[in-house]
Amino acid sequence: MKKFAFVVLATITPFFFACQDQAPATKVPPIAVASDKVSVVANQAMEMTIEGMTCAIGCAATIQKKLNATTGISSATVDFATKKALILFDDKQIQPTAIREIVPAVGAAYSVSAFEILDR
């Protein structure tokens, strides 16, 4: 019975810690986070490659939620499998470099290795 309990704990435990940052998160003030989302007219689109994600539910979803809560971003989707984020935004409210800085602000393990403004 002890061996069974050990096997169960050894199997389940990694799932609880899989999405934790590898390094402790630094305290970074929020970057233009909207308390009441105002309608945004997206006139620009960009794609980012995000490094450091270890799962779709914790990592990718957390980054996507933070991007979507940012003033000036009308839509953001983060795909864990491809490591890509597609962001639609209003360049009068937020600049691409500011969007790029949001990802590492979510957690120290995340970084943007590339980003590109897409033609619309």
PDB file of N, CA and C in Angstrom:
ATOM      1  N   MET A   1       0.826  -1.193   0.000  1.00  0.00           N
ATOM      2  CA  MET A   1       0.000   0.000   0.000  1.00  0.00           C
ATOM      3  C   MET A   1       0.872   1.260   0.000  1.00  0.00           C
ATOM      4  N   LYS A   2       1.978   1.242   0.758  1.00  0.00           N
ATOM      5  CA  LYS A   2       2.870   2.398   0.796  1.00  0.00           C
ATOM      6  C   LYS A   2       3.473   2.656  -0.585  1.00  0.00           C
ATOM      7  N   LYS A   3       3.814   1.560  -1.284  1.00  0.00           N
ATOM      8  CA  LYS A   3       4.400   1.709  -2.606  1.00  0.00           C
ATOM      9  C   LYS A   3       3.385   2.331  -3.566  1.00  0.00           C
ATOM     10  N   PHE A   4       2.121   1.916  -3.478  1.00  0.00           N
ATOM     11  CA  PHE A   4       1.066   2.478  -4.320  1.00  0.00           C
ATOM     12  C   PHE A   4       0.894   3.967  -4.058  1.00  0.00           C
ATOM     13  N   ALA A   5       0.865   4.364  -2.793  1.00  0.00           N
ATOM     14  CA  ALA A   5       0.714   5.771  -2.431  1.00  0.00           C
ATOM     15  C   ALA A   5       1.887   6.591  -2.963  1.00  0.00           C
ATOM     16  N   PHE A   6       3.086   6.049  -2.872  1.00  0.00           N
ATOM     17  CA  PHE A   6       4.269   6.737  -3.376  1.00  0.00           C
ATOM     18  C   PHE A   6       4.178   6.931  -4.890  1.00  0.00           C
ATOM     19  N   VAL A   7       3.762   5.881  -5.608  1.00  0.00           N
ATOM     20  CA  VAL A   7       3.649   5.949  -7.061  1.00  0.00           C
ATOM     21  C   VAL A   7       2.604   6.999  -7.462  1.00  0.00           C
ATOM     22  N   VAL A   8       1.475   7.024  -6.750  1.00  0.00           N
ATOM     23  CA  VAL A   8       0.428   7.998  -7.049  1.00  0.00           C
ATOM     24  C   VAL A   8       0.939   9.419  -6.808  1.00  0.00           C
ATOM     25  N   LEU A   9       1.593   9.656  -5.689  1.00  0.00           N
ATOM     26  CA  LEU A   9       2.128  10.983  -5.393  1.00  0.00           C
ATOM     27  C   LEU A   9       3.205  11.380  -6.401  1.00  0.00           C
ATOM     28  N   ALA A  10       4.069  10.450  -6.751  1.00  0.00           N
ATOM     29  CA  ALA A  10       5.137  10.746  -7.700  1.00  0.00           C
ATOM     30  C   ALA A  10       4.576  11.058  -9.087  1.00  0.00           C
ATOM     31  N   THR A  11       3.429  10.489  -9.418  1.00  0.00           N
ATOM     32  CA  THR A  11       2.809  10.714 -10.715  1.00  0.00           C
ATOM     33  C   THR A  11       2.041  12.036 -10.755  1.00  0.00           C
ATOM     34  N   ILE A  12       1.361  12.371  -9.685  1.00  0.00           N
ATOM     35  CA  ILE A  12       0.501  13.548  -9.656  1.00  0.00           C
ATOM     36  C   ILE A  12       1.267  14.827  -9.359  1.00  0.00           C
ATOM     37  N   THR A  13       2.242  14.794  -8.502  1.00  0.00           N
ATOM     38  CA  THR A  13       2.954  15.987  -8.042  1.00  0.00           C
ATOM     39  C   THR A  13       3.497  16.869  -9.167  1.00  0.00           C
ATOM     40  N   PRO A  14       4.121  16.322 -10.215  1.00  0.00           N
ATOM     41  CA  PRO A  14       4.647  17.211 -11.265  1.00  0.00           C
ATOM     42  C   PRO A  14       3.589  18.089 -11.937  1.00  0.00           C
ATOM     43  N   PHE A  15       2.345  17.616 -11.986  1.00  0.00           N
ATOM     44  CA  PHE A  15       1.290  18.415 -12.614  1.00  0.00           C
ATOM     45  C   PHE A  15       0.983  19.683 -11.831  1.00  0.00           C
ATOM     46  N   PHE A  16       1.192  19.654 -10.524  1.00  0.00           N
ATOM     47  CA  PHE A  16       0.921  20.824  -9.705  1.00  0.00           C
ATOM     48  C   PHE A  16       2.012  21.889  -9.837  1.00  0.00           C
ATOM     49  N   PHE A  17       3.186  21.475 -10.247  1.00  0.00           N
ATOM     50  CA  PHE A  17       4.309  22.409 -10.299  1.00  0.00           C
ATOM     51  C   PHE A  17       4.829  22.645 -11.714  1.00  0.00           C
ATOM     52  N   ALA A  18       4.209  22.073 -12.727  1.00  0.00           N
ATOM     53  CA  ALA A  18       4.717  22.143 -14.097  1.00  0.00           C
ATOM     54  C   ALA A  18       4.722  23.559 -14.660  1.00  0.00           C
ATOM     55  N   CYS A  19       3.758  24.369 -14.309  1.00  0.00           N
ATOM     56  CA  CYS A  19       3.650  25.701 -14.916  1.00  0.00           C
ATOM     57  C   CYS A  19       4.236  26.799 -14.045  1.00  0.00           C
ATOM     58  N   GLN A  20       4.939  26.458 -13.021  1.00  0.00           N
ATOM     59  CA  GLN A  20       5.542  27.470 -12.175  1.00  0.00           C
ATOM     60  C   GLN A  20       6.736  28.070 -12.897  1.00  0.00           C
ATOM     61  N   ASP A  21       6.969  29.343 -12.686  1.00  0.00           N
ATOM     62  CA  ASP A  21       8.133  30.004 -13.284  1.00  0.00           C
ATOM     63  C   ASP A  21       9.399  29.324 -12.811  1.00  0.00           C
ATOM     64  N   GLN A  22      10.369  29.242 -13.696  1.00  0.00           N
ATOM     65  CA  GLN A  22      11.646  28.642 -13.344  1.00  0.00           C
ATOM     66  C   GLN A  22      12.421  29.550 -12.394  1.00  0.00           C
ATOM     67  N   ALA A  23      12.263  30.838 -12.566  1.00  0.00           N
ATOM     68  CA  ALA A  23      12.901  31.815 -11.693  1.00  0.00           C
ATOM     69  C   ALA A  23      11.791  32.590 -10.989  1.00  0.00           C
ATOM     70  N   PRO A  24      12.054  33.102  -9.806  1.00  0.00           N
ATOM     71  CA  PRO A  24      11.000  33.849  -9.121  1.00  0.00           C
ATOM     72  C   PRO A  24      10.591  35.084  -9.918  1.00  0.00           C
ATOM     73  N   ALA A  25       9.301  35.327  -9.953  1.00  0.00           N
ATOM     74  CA  ALA A  25       8.791  36.472 -10.698  1.00  0.00           C
ATOM     75  C   ALA A  25       9.190  37.766 -10.011  1.00  0.00           C
ATOM     76  N   THR A  26       9.578  38.716 -10.809  1.00  0.00           N
ATOM     77  CA  THR A  26       9.929  40.018 -10.248  1.00  0.00           C
ATOM     78  C   THR A  26       8.681  40.872 -10.205  1.00  0.00           C
ATOM     79  N   LYS A  27       8.636  41.765  -9.263  1.00  0.00           N
ATOM     80  CA  LYS A  27       7.490  42.659  -9.154  1.00  0.00           C
ATOM     81  C   LYS A  27       7.648  43.769 -10.179  1.00  0.00           C
ATOM     82  N   VAL A  28       6.766  43.762 -11.170  1.00  0.00           N
ATOM     83  CA  VAL A  28       6.793  44.761 -12.227  1.00  0.00           C
ATOM     84  C   VAL A  28       5.433  45.440 -12.243  1.00  0.00           C
ATOM     85  N   PRO A  29       5.393  46.753 -12.266  1.00  0.00           N
ATOM     86  CA  PRO A  29       4.091  47.416 -12.302  1.00  0.00           C
ATOM     87  C   PRO A  29       3.344  47.048 -13.582  1.00  0.00           C
ATOM     88  N   PRO A  30       2.023  46.985 -13.518  1.00  0.00           N
ATOM     89  CA  PRO A  30       1.257  46.649 -14.713  1.00  0.00           C
ATOM     90  C   PRO A  30       1.487  47.663 -15.825  1.00  0.00           C
ATOM     91  N   ILE A  31       1.440  47.187 -17.042  1.00  0.00           N
ATOM     92  CA  ILE A  31       1.678  48.041 -18.198  1.00  0.00           C
ATOM     93  C   ILE A  31       0.336  48.333 -18.856  1.00  0.00           C
ATOM     94  N   ALA A  32      -0.164  49.498 -18.649  1.00  0.00           N
ATOM     95  CA  ALA A  32      -1.386  49.975 -19.300  1.00  0.00           C
ATOM     96  C   ALA A  32      -2.527  48.974 -19.223  1.00  0.00           C
ATOM     97  N   VAL A  33      -2.800  48.449 -18.050  1.00  0.00           N
ATOM     98  CA  VAL A  33      -3.890  47.501 -17.890  1.00  0.00           C
ATOM     99  C   VAL A  33      -5.179  48.286 -17.667  1.00  0.00           C
ATOM    100  N   ALA A  34      -6.181  47.947 -18.420  1.00  0.00           N
ATOM    101  CA  ALA A  34      -7.452  48.665 -18.330  1.00  0.00           C
ATOM    102  C   ALA A  34      -8.326  48.068 -17.247  1.00  0.00           C
ATOM    103  N   SER A  35      -8.916  48.923 -16.427  1.00  0.00           N
ATOM    104  CA  SER A  35      -9.845  48.420 -15.429  1.00  0.00           C
ATOM    105  C   SER A  35     -11.215  48.204 -16.068  1.00  0.00           C
ATOM    106  N   ASP A  36     -11.616  49.086 -16.931  1.00  0.00           N
ATOM    107  CA  ASP A  36     -12.846  48.928 -17.708  1.00  0.00           C
ATOM    108  C   ASP A  36     -12.457  48.974 -19.167  1.00  0.00           C
ATOM    109  N   LYS A  37     -12.558  47.835 -19.835  1.00  0.00           N
ATOM    110  CA  LYS A  37     -12.124  47.746 -21.229  1.00  0.00           C
ATOM    111  C   LYS A  37     -12.998  48.633 -22.122  1.00  0.00           C
ATOM    112  N   VAL A  38     -12.361  49.535 -22.836  1.00  0.00           N
ATOM    113  CA  VAL A  38     -13.036  50.417 -23.779  1.00  0.00           C
ATOM    114  C   VAL A  38     -12.937  49.756 -25.149  1.00  0.00           C
ATOM    115  N   SER A  39     -13.938  49.943 -25.971  1.00  0.00           N
ATOM    116  CA  SER A  39     -13.874  49.323 -27.292  1.00  0.00           C
ATOM    117  C   SER A  39     -12.665  49.864 -28.051  1.00  0.00           C
ATOM    118  N   VAL A  40     -11.953  48.958 -28.682  1.00  0.00           N
ATOM    119  CA  VAL A  40     -10.724  49.293 -29.391  1.00  0.00           C
ATOM    120  C   VAL A  40     -10.923  48.974 -30.864  1.00  0.00           C
ATOM    121  N   VAL A  41     -10.547  49.910 -31.704  1.00  0.00           N
ATOM    122  CA  VAL A  41     -10.579  49.675 -33.139  1.00  0.00           C
ATOM    123  C   VAL A  41      -9.190  49.184 -33.536  1.00  0.00           C
ATOM    124  N   ALA A  42      -9.101  47.918 -33.882  1.00  0.00           N
ATOM    125  CA  ALA A  42      -7.804  47.344 -34.233  1.00  0.00           C
ATOM    126  C   ALA A  42      -7.433  47.753 -35.649  1.00  0.00           C
ATOM    127  N   ASN A  43      -6.341  48.481 -35.751  1.00  0.00           N
ATOM    128  CA  ASN A  43      -5.870  48.879 -37.070  1.00  0.00           C
ATOM    129  C   ASN A  43      -4.513  48.260 -37.390  1.00  0.00           C
ATOM    130  N   GLN A  44      -3.969  47.499 -36.466  1.00  0.00           N
ATOM    131  CA  GLN A  44      -2.683  46.832 -36.650  1.00  0.00           C
ATOM    132  C   GLN A  44      -2.768  45.399 -36.126  1.00  0.00           C
ATOM    133  N   ALA A  45      -1.907  44.548 -36.665  1.00  0.00           N
ATOM    134  CA  ALA A  45      -1.797  43.169 -36.191  1.00  0.00           C
ATOM    135  C   ALA A  45      -0.323  42.838 -36.066  1.00  0.00           C
ATOM    136  N   MET A  46       0.000  42.039 -35.061  1.00  0.00           N
ATOM    137  CA  MET A  46       1.380  41.601 -34.904  1.00  0.00           C
ATOM    138  C   MET A  46       1.404  40.156 -34.439  1.00  0.00           C
ATOM    139  N   GLU A  47       2.508  39.492 -34.723  1.00  0.00           N
ATOM    140  CA  GLU A  47       2.716  38.121 -34.289  1.00  0.00           C
ATOM    141  C   GLU A  47       4.003  38.068 -33.488  1.00  0.00           C
ATOM    142  N   MET A  48       3.953  37.382 -32.340  1.00  0.00           N
ATOM    143  CA  MET A  48       5.133  37.253 -31.489  1.00  0.00           C
ATOM    144  C   MET A  48       5.450  35.775 -31.280  1.00  0.00           C
ATOM    145  N   THR A  49       6.733  35.465 -31.155  1.00  0.00           N
ATOM    146  CA  THR A  49       7.169  34.136 -30.749  1.00  0.00           C
ATOM    147  C   THR A  49       7.546  34.231 -29.277  1.00  0.00           C
ATOM    148  N   ILE A  50       6.908  33.399 -28.445  1.00  0.00           N
ATOM    149  CA  ILE A  50       7.096  33.463 -26.996  1.00  0.00           C
ATOM    150  C   ILE A  50       7.842  32.221 -26.529  1.00  0.00           C
ATOM    151  N   GLU A  51       8.927  32.442 -25.824  1.00  0.00           N
ATOM    152  CA  GLU A  51       9.740  31.356 -25.272  1.00  0.00           C
ATOM    153  C   GLU A  51       9.447  31.209 -23.777  1.00  0.00           C
ATOM    154  N   GLY A  52       9.668  30.010 -23.244  1.00  0.00           N
ATOM    155  CA  GLY A  52       9.566  29.768 -21.812  1.00  0.00           C
ATOM    156  C   GLY A  52       8.253  29.172 -21.351  1.00  0.00           C
ATOM    157  N   MET A  53       7.284  29.005 -22.248  1.00  0.00           N
ATOM    158  CA  MET A  53       6.015  28.407 -21.843  1.00  0.00           C
ATOM    159  C   MET A  53       6.195  26.905 -21.701  1.00  0.00           C
ATOM    160  N   THR A  54       5.627  26.336 -20.623  1.00  0.00           N
ATOM    161  CA  THR A  54       5.733  24.898 -20.403  1.00  0.00           C
ATOM    162  C   THR A  54       4.393  24.186 -20.509  1.00  0.00           C
ATOM    163  N   CYS A  55       3.299  24.933 -20.605  1.00  0.00           N
ATOM    164  CA  CYS A  55       1.986  24.298 -20.747  1.00  0.00           C
ATOM    165  C   CYS A  55       0.983  25.294 -21.330  1.00  0.00           C
ATOM    166  N   ALA A  56      -0.136  24.749 -21.812  1.00  0.00           N
ATOM    167  CA  ALA A  56      -1.156  25.587 -22.439  1.00  0.00           C
ATOM    168  C   ALA A  56      -2.103  26.193 -21.412  1.00  0.00           C
ATOM    169  N   ILE A  57      -2.425  25.452 -20.386  1.00  0.00           N
ATOM    170  CA  ILE A  57      -3.432  25.908 -19.431  1.00  0.00           C
ATOM    171  C   ILE A  57      -2.893  26.993 -18.510  1.00  0.00           C
ATOM    172  N   GLY A  58      -1.714  26.813 -17.986  1.00  0.00           N
ATOM    173  CA  GLY A  58      -1.167  27.805 -17.061  1.00  0.00           C
ATOM    174  C   GLY A  58      -0.416  28.919 -17.764  1.00  0.00           C
ATOM    175  N   CYS A  59       0.548  28.568 -18.568  1.00  0.00           N
ATOM    176  CA  CYS A  59       1.433  29.571 -19.177  1.00  0.00           C
ATOM    177  C   CYS A  59       0.761  30.361 -20.290  1.00  0.00           C
ATOM    178  N   ALA A  60       0.364  29.670 -21.344  1.00  0.00           N
ATOM    179  CA  ALA A  60      -0.212  30.355 -22.502  1.00  0.00           C
ATOM    180  C   ALA A  60      -1.490  31.108 -22.134  1.00  0.00           C
ATOM    181  N   ALA A  61      -2.331  30.487 -21.317  1.00  0.00           N
ATOM    182  CA  ALA A  61      -3.588  31.136 -20.930  1.00  0.00           C
ATOM    183  C   ALA A  61      -3.342  32.381 -20.082  1.00  0.00           C
ATOM    184  N   THR A  62      -2.349  32.337 -19.209  1.00  0.00           N
ATOM    185  CA  THR A  62      -2.033  33.494 -18.367  1.00  0.00           C
ATOM    186  C   THR A  62      -1.524  34.662 -19.214  1.00  0.00           C
ATOM    187  N   ILE A  63      -0.645  34.371 -20.160  1.00  0.00           N
ATOM    188  CA  ILE A  63      -0.122  35.417 -21.047  1.00  0.00           C
ATOM    189  C   ILE A  63      -1.254  35.992 -21.892  1.00  0.00           C
ATOM    190  N   GLN A  64      -2.103  35.130 -22.436  1.00  0.00           N
ATOM    191  CA  GLN A  64      -3.227  35.589 -23.254  1.00  0.00           C
ATOM    192  C   GLN A  64      -4.172  36.475 -22.450  1.00  0.00           C
ATOM    193  N   LYS A  65      -4.452  36.083 -21.222  1.00  0.00           N
ATOM    194  CA  LYS A  65      -5.348  36.869 -20.370  1.00  0.00           C
ATOM    195  C   LYS A  65      -4.762  38.260 -20.105  1.00  0.00           C
ATOM    196  N   LYS A  66      -3.464  38.322 -19.827  1.00  0.00           N
ATOM    197  CA  LYS A  66      -2.802  39.603 -19.564  1.00  0.00           C
ATOM    198  C   LYS A  66      -2.817  40.491 -20.815  1.00  0.00           C
ATOM    199  N   LEU A  67      -2.556  39.906 -21.981  1.00  0.00           N
ATOM    200  CA  LEU A  67      -2.576  40.681 -23.221  1.00  0.00           C
ATOM    201  C   LEU A  67      -3.976  41.233 -23.493  1.00  0.00           C
ATOM    202  N   ASN A  68      -4.991  40.399 -23.318  1.00  0.00           N
ATOM    203  CA  ASN A  68      -6.366  40.832 -23.576  1.00  0.00           C
ATOM    204  C   ASN A  68      -6.862  41.879 -22.580  1.00  0.00           C
ATOM    205  N   ALA A  69      -6.247  41.963 -21.418  1.00  0.00           N
ATOM    206  CA  ALA A  69      -6.640  42.952 -20.407  1.00  0.00           C
ATOM    207  C   ALA A  69      -5.924  44.284 -20.585  1.00  0.00           C
ATOM    208  N   THR A  70      -5.066  44.376 -21.579  1.00  0.00           N
ATOM    209  CA  THR A  70      -4.260  45.577 -21.797  1.00  0.00           C
ATOM    210  C   THR A  70      -4.994  46.591 -22.672  1.00  0.00           C
ATOM    211  N   THR A  71      -4.980  47.833 -22.255  1.00  0.00           N
ATOM    212  CA  THR A  71      -5.597  48.914 -23.020  1.00  0.00           C
ATOM    213  C   THR A  71      -4.957  49.017 -24.397  1.00  0.00           C
ATOM    214  N   GLY A  72      -5.785  49.078 -25.420  1.00  0.00           N
ATOM    215  CA  GLY A  72      -5.288  49.206 -26.786  1.00  0.00           C
ATOM    216  C   GLY A  72      -5.261  47.899 -27.550  1.00  0.00           C
ATOM    217  N   ILE A  73      -5.366  46.773 -26.849  1.00  0.00           N
ATOM    218  CA  ILE A  73      -5.391  45.469 -27.514  1.00  0.00           C
ATOM    219  C   ILE A  73      -6.841  45.016 -27.607  1.00  0.00           C
ATOM    220  N   SER A  74      -7.288  44.754 -28.844  1.00  0.00           N
ATOM    221  CA  SER A  74      -8.675  44.322 -29.020  1.00  0.00           C
ATOM    222  C   SER A  74      -8.803  42.809 -28.965  1.00  0.00           C
ATOM    223  N   SER A  75      -7.742  42.087 -29.347  1.00  0.00           N
ATOM    224  CA  SER A  75      -7.788  40.630 -29.332  1.00  0.00           C
ATOM    225  C   SER A  75      -6.370  40.070 -29.294  1.00  0.00           C
ATOM    226  N   ALA A  76      -6.195  39.036 -28.463  1.00  0.00           N
ATOM    227  CA  ALA A  76      -4.904  38.342 -28.411  1.00  0.00           C
ATOM    228  C   ALA A  76      -5.169  36.857 -28.224  1.00  0.00           C
ATOM    229  N   THR A  77      -4.505  36.052 -29.029  1.00  0.00           N
ATOM    230  CA  THR A  77      -4.583  34.608 -28.871  1.00  0.00           C
ATOM    231  C   THR A  77      -3.158  34.068 -28.798  1.00  0.00           C
ATOM    232  N   VAL A  78      -2.925  33.197 -27.823  1.00  0.00           N
ATOM    233  CA  VAL A  78      -1.611  32.594 -27.632  1.00  0.00           C
ATOM    234  C   VAL A  78      -1.746  31.102 -27.877  1.00  0.00           C
ATOM    235  N   ASP A  79      -0.937  30.575 -28.804  1.00  0.00           N
ATOM    236  CA  ASP A  79      -0.948  29.155 -29.142  1.00  0.00           C
ATOM    237  C   ASP A  79       0.296  28.498 -28.551  1.00  0.00           C
ATOM    238  N   PHE A  80       0.086  27.649 -27.557  1.00  0.00           N
ATOM    239  CA  PHE A  80       1.203  26.991 -26.881  1.00  0.00           C
ATOM    240  C   PHE A  80       1.993  26.107 -27.844  1.00  0.00           C
ATOM    241  N   ALA A  81       1.301  25.363 -28.704  1.00  0.00           N
ATOM    242  CA  ALA A  81       1.967  24.403 -29.588  1.00  0.00           C
ATOM    243  C   ALA A  81       2.952  25.073 -30.551  1.00  0.00           C
ATOM    244  N   THR A  82       2.588  26.235 -31.072  1.00  0.00           N
ATOM    245  CA  THR A  82       3.460  26.921 -32.034  1.00  0.00           C
ATOM    246  C   THR A  82       4.325  28.001 -31.394  1.00  0.00           C
ATOM    247  N   LYS A  83       4.072  28.293 -30.106  1.00  0.00           N
ATOM    248  CA  LYS A  83       4.759  29.362 -29.373  1.00  0.00           C
ATOM    249  C   LYS A  83       4.467  30.742 -29.960  1.00  0.00           C
ATOM    250  N   LYS A  84       3.330  30.893 -30.615  1.00  0.00           N
ATOM    251  CA  LYS A  84       2.995  32.144 -31.290  1.00  0.00           C
ATOM    252  C   LYS A  84       1.821  32.835 -30.611  1.00  0.00           C
ATOM    253  N   ALA A  85       1.863  34.153 -30.651  1.00  0.00           N
ATOM    254  CA  ALA A  85       0.744  34.976 -30.199  1.00  0.00           C
ATOM    255  C   ALA A  85       0.360  35.892 -31.359  1.00  0.00           C
ATOM    256  N   LEU A  86      -0.933  36.002 -31.612  1.00  0.00           N
ATOM    257  CA  LEU A  86      -1.453  36.909 -32.629  1.00  0.00           C
ATOM    258  C   LEU A  86      -2.227  37.989 -31.902  1.00  0.00           C
ATOM    259  N   ILE A  87      -1.836  39.239 -32.111  1.00  0.00           N
ATOM    260  CA  ILE A  87      -2.420  40.362 -31.381  1.00  0.00           C
ATOM    261  C   ILE A  87      -2.965  41.382 -32.369  1.00  0.00           C
ATOM    262  N   LEU A  88      -4.212  41.792 -32.152  1.00  0.00           N
ATOM    263  CA  LEU A  88      -4.827  42.884 -32.907  1.00  0.00           C
ATOM    264  C   LEU A  88      -4.892  44.073 -31.966  1.00  0.00           C
ATOM    265  N   PHE A  89      -4.410  45.231 -32.411  1.00  0.00           N
ATOM    266  CA  PHE A  89      -4.314  46.377 -31.513  1.00  0.00           C
ATOM    267  C   PHE A  89      -4.485  47.687 -32.252  1.00  0.00           C
ATOM    268  N   ASP A  90      -4.705  48.751 -31.473  1.00  0.00           N
ATOM    269  CA  ASP A  90      -4.838  50.112 -31.982  1.00  0.00           C
ATOM    270  C   ASP A  90      -3.511  50.825 -31.733  1.00  0.00           C
ATOM    271  N   ASP A  91      -2.796  51.165 -32.792  1.00  0.00           N
ATOM    272  CA  ASP A  91      -1.478  51.782 -32.621  1.00  0.00           C
ATOM    273  C   ASP A  91      -1.532  53.215 -32.100  1.00  0.00           C
ATOM    274  N   LYS A  92      -2.730  53.780 -31.972  1.00  0.00           N
ATOM    275  CA  LYS A  92      -2.861  55.102 -31.354  1.00  0.00           C
ATOM    276  C   LYS A  92      -2.902  54.976 -29.826  1.00  0.00           C
ATOM    277  N   GLN A  93      -3.212  53.778 -29.323  1.00  0.00           N
ATOM    278  CA  GLN A  93      -3.302  53.556 -27.885  1.00  0.00           C
ATOM    279  C   GLN A  93      -2.094  52.817 -27.309  1.00  0.00           C
ATOM    280  N   ILE A  94      -1.465  51.955 -28.100  1.00  0.00           N
ATOM    281  CA  ILE A  94      -0.323  51.175 -27.610  1.00  0.00           C
ATOM    282  C   ILE A  94       0.604  50.852 -28.777  1.00  0.00           C
ATOM    283  N   GLN A  95       1.892  50.864 -28.506  1.00  0.00           N
ATOM    284  CA  GLN A  95       2.900  50.588 -29.525  1.00  0.00           C
ATOM    285  C   GLN A  95       3.373  49.130 -29.422  1.00  0.00           C
ATOM    286  N   PRO A  96       3.855  48.548 -30.523  1.00  0.00           N
ATOM    287  CA  PRO A  96       4.318  47.161 -30.513  1.00  0.00           C
ATOM    288  C   PRO A  96       5.398  46.879 -29.462  1.00  0.00           C
ATOM    289  N   THR A  97       6.298  47.824 -29.234  1.00  0.00           N
ATOM    290  CA  THR A  97       7.345  47.593 -28.236  1.00  0.00           C
ATOM    291  C   THR A  97       6.752  47.473 -26.834  1.00  0.00           C
ATOM    292  N   ALA A  98       5.695  48.216 -26.548  1.00  0.00           N
ATOM    293  CA  ALA A  98       5.027  48.109 -25.243  1.00  0.00           C
ATOM    294  C   ALA A  98       4.320  46.764 -25.113  1.00  0.00           C
ATOM    295  N   ILE A  99       3.741  46.278 -26.209  1.00  0.00           N
ATOM    296  CA  ILE A  99       3.091  44.966 -26.189  1.00  0.00           C
ATOM    297  C   ILE A  99       4.131  43.884 -25.926  1.00  0.00           C
ATOM    298  N   ARG A 100       5.262  44.025 -26.550  1.00  0.00           N
ATOM    299  CA  ARG A 100       6.341  43.041 -26.379  1.00  0.00           C
ATOM    300  C   ARG A 100       6.799  42.967 -24.918  1.00  0.00           C
ATOM    301  N   GLU A 101       6.768  44.071 -24.198  1.00  0.00           N
ATOM    302  CA  GLU A 101       7.216  44.113 -22.804  1.00  0.00           C
ATOM    303  C   GLU A 101       6.229  43.457 -21.837  1.00  0.00           C
ATOM    304  N   ILE A 102       4.999  43.242 -22.265  1.00  0.00           N
ATOM    305  CA  ILE A 102       3.992  42.637 -21.395  1.00  0.00           C
ATOM    306  C   ILE A 102       4.352  41.196 -21.060  1.00  0.00           C
ATOM    307  N   VAL A 103       4.869  40.444 -22.025  1.00  0.00           N
ATOM    308  CA  VAL A 103       5.143  39.013 -21.832  1.00  0.00           C
ATOM    309  C   VAL A 103       6.119  38.749 -20.688  1.00  0.00           C
ATOM    310  N   PRO A 104       7.311  39.358 -20.662  1.00  0.00           N
ATOM    311  CA  PRO A 104       8.203  39.095 -19.531  1.00  0.00           C
ATOM    312  C   PRO A 104       7.672  39.656 -18.215  1.00  0.00           C
ATOM    313  N   ALA A 105       6.748  40.626 -18.273  1.00  0.00           N
ATOM    314  CA  ALA A 105       6.152  41.155 -17.044  1.00  0.00           C
ATOM    315  C   ALA A 105       5.213  40.136 -16.396  1.00  0.00           C
ATOM    316  N   VAL A 106       4.698  39.200 -17.185  1.00  0.00           N
ATOM    317  CA  VAL A 106       3.834  38.142 -16.646  1.00  0.00           C
ATOM    318  C   VAL A 106       4.649  37.201 -15.766  1.00  0.00           C
ATOM    319  N   GLY A 107       5.871  36.872 -16.182  1.00  0.00           N
ATOM    320  CA  GLY A 107       6.739  35.990 -15.407  1.00  0.00           C
ATOM    321  C   GLY A 107       8.144  36.003 -15.973  1.00  0.00           C
ATOM    322  N   ALA A 108       9.102  35.814 -15.108  1.00  0.00           N
ATOM    323  CA  ALA A 108      10.506  35.891 -15.514  1.00  0.00           C
ATOM    324  C   ALA A 108      10.904  34.795 -16.502  1.00  0.00           C
ATOM    325  N   ALA A 109      10.166  33.697 -16.540  1.00  0.00           N
ATOM    326  CA  ALA A 109      10.503  32.593 -17.436  1.00  0.00           C
ATOM    327  C   ALA A 109      10.127  32.866 -18.889  1.00  0.00           C
ATOM    328  N   TYR A 110       9.275  33.873 -19.120  1.00  0.00           N
ATOM    329  CA  TYR A 110       8.767  34.137 -20.469  1.00  0.00           C
ATOM    330  C   TYR A 110       9.546  35.250 -21.150  1.00  0.00           C
ATOM    331  N   SER A 111       9.751  35.075 -22.455  1.00  0.00           N
ATOM    332  CA  SER A 111      10.414  36.111 -23.237  1.00  0.00           C
ATOM    333  C   SER A 111       9.897  36.075 -24.667  1.00  0.00           C
ATOM    334  N   VAL A 112      10.064  37.179 -25.373  1.00  0.00           N
ATOM    335  CA  VAL A 112       9.671  37.279 -26.772  1.00  0.00           C
ATOM    336  C   VAL A 112      10.941  37.173 -27.594  1.00  0.00           C
ATOM    337  N   SER A 113      11.042  36.108 -28.402  1.00  0.00           N
ATOM    338  CA  SER A 113      12.253  35.928 -29.203  1.00  0.00           C
ATOM    339  C   SER A 113      12.155  36.619 -30.560  1.00  0.00           C
ATOM    340  N   ALA A 114      10.922  36.883 -31.020  1.00  0.00           N
ATOM    341  CA  ALA A 114      10.739  37.574 -32.295  1.00  0.00           C
ATOM    342  C   ALA A 114       9.342  38.164 -32.336  1.00  0.00           C
ATOM    343  N   PHE A 115       9.202  39.292 -33.040  1.00  0.00           N
ATOM    344  CA  PHE A 115       7.871  39.825 -33.301  1.00  0.00           C
ATOM    345  C   PHE A 115       7.861  40.522 -34.647  1.00  0.00           C
ATOM    346  N   GLU A 116       6.684  40.510 -35.255  1.00  0.00           N
ATOM    347  CA  GLU A 116       6.558  41.047 -36.608  1.00  0.00           C
ATOM    348  C   GLU A 116       5.197  41.732 -36.747  1.00  0.00           C
ATOM    349  N   ILE A 117       5.206  42.912 -37.347  1.00  0.00           N
ATOM    350  CA  ILE A 117       3.976  43.620 -37.659  1.00  0.00           C
ATOM    351  C   ILE A 117       3.456  43.013 -38.962  1.00  0.00           C
ATOM    352  N   LEU A 118       2.185  42.623 -38.957  1.00  0.00           N
ATOM    353  CA  LEU A 118       1.592  41.981 -40.126  1.00  0.00           C
ATOM    354  C   LEU A 118       0.854  43.018 -40.970  1.00  0.00           C
ATOM    355  N   ASP A 119       0.860  42.818 -42.282  1.00  0.00           N
ATOM    356  CA  ASP A 119       0.118  43.692 -43.193  1.00  0.00           C
ATOM    357  C   ASP A 119      -1.359  43.433 -43.038  1.00  0.00           C
ATOM    358  N   ARG A 120      -2.112  44.504 -43.005  1.00  0.00           N
ATOM    359  CA  ARG A 120      -3.578  44.378 -42.867  1.00  0.00           C
ATOM    360  C   ARG A 120      -4.255  45.041 -44.020  1.00  0.00           C
TER     361      ARG A 120
END
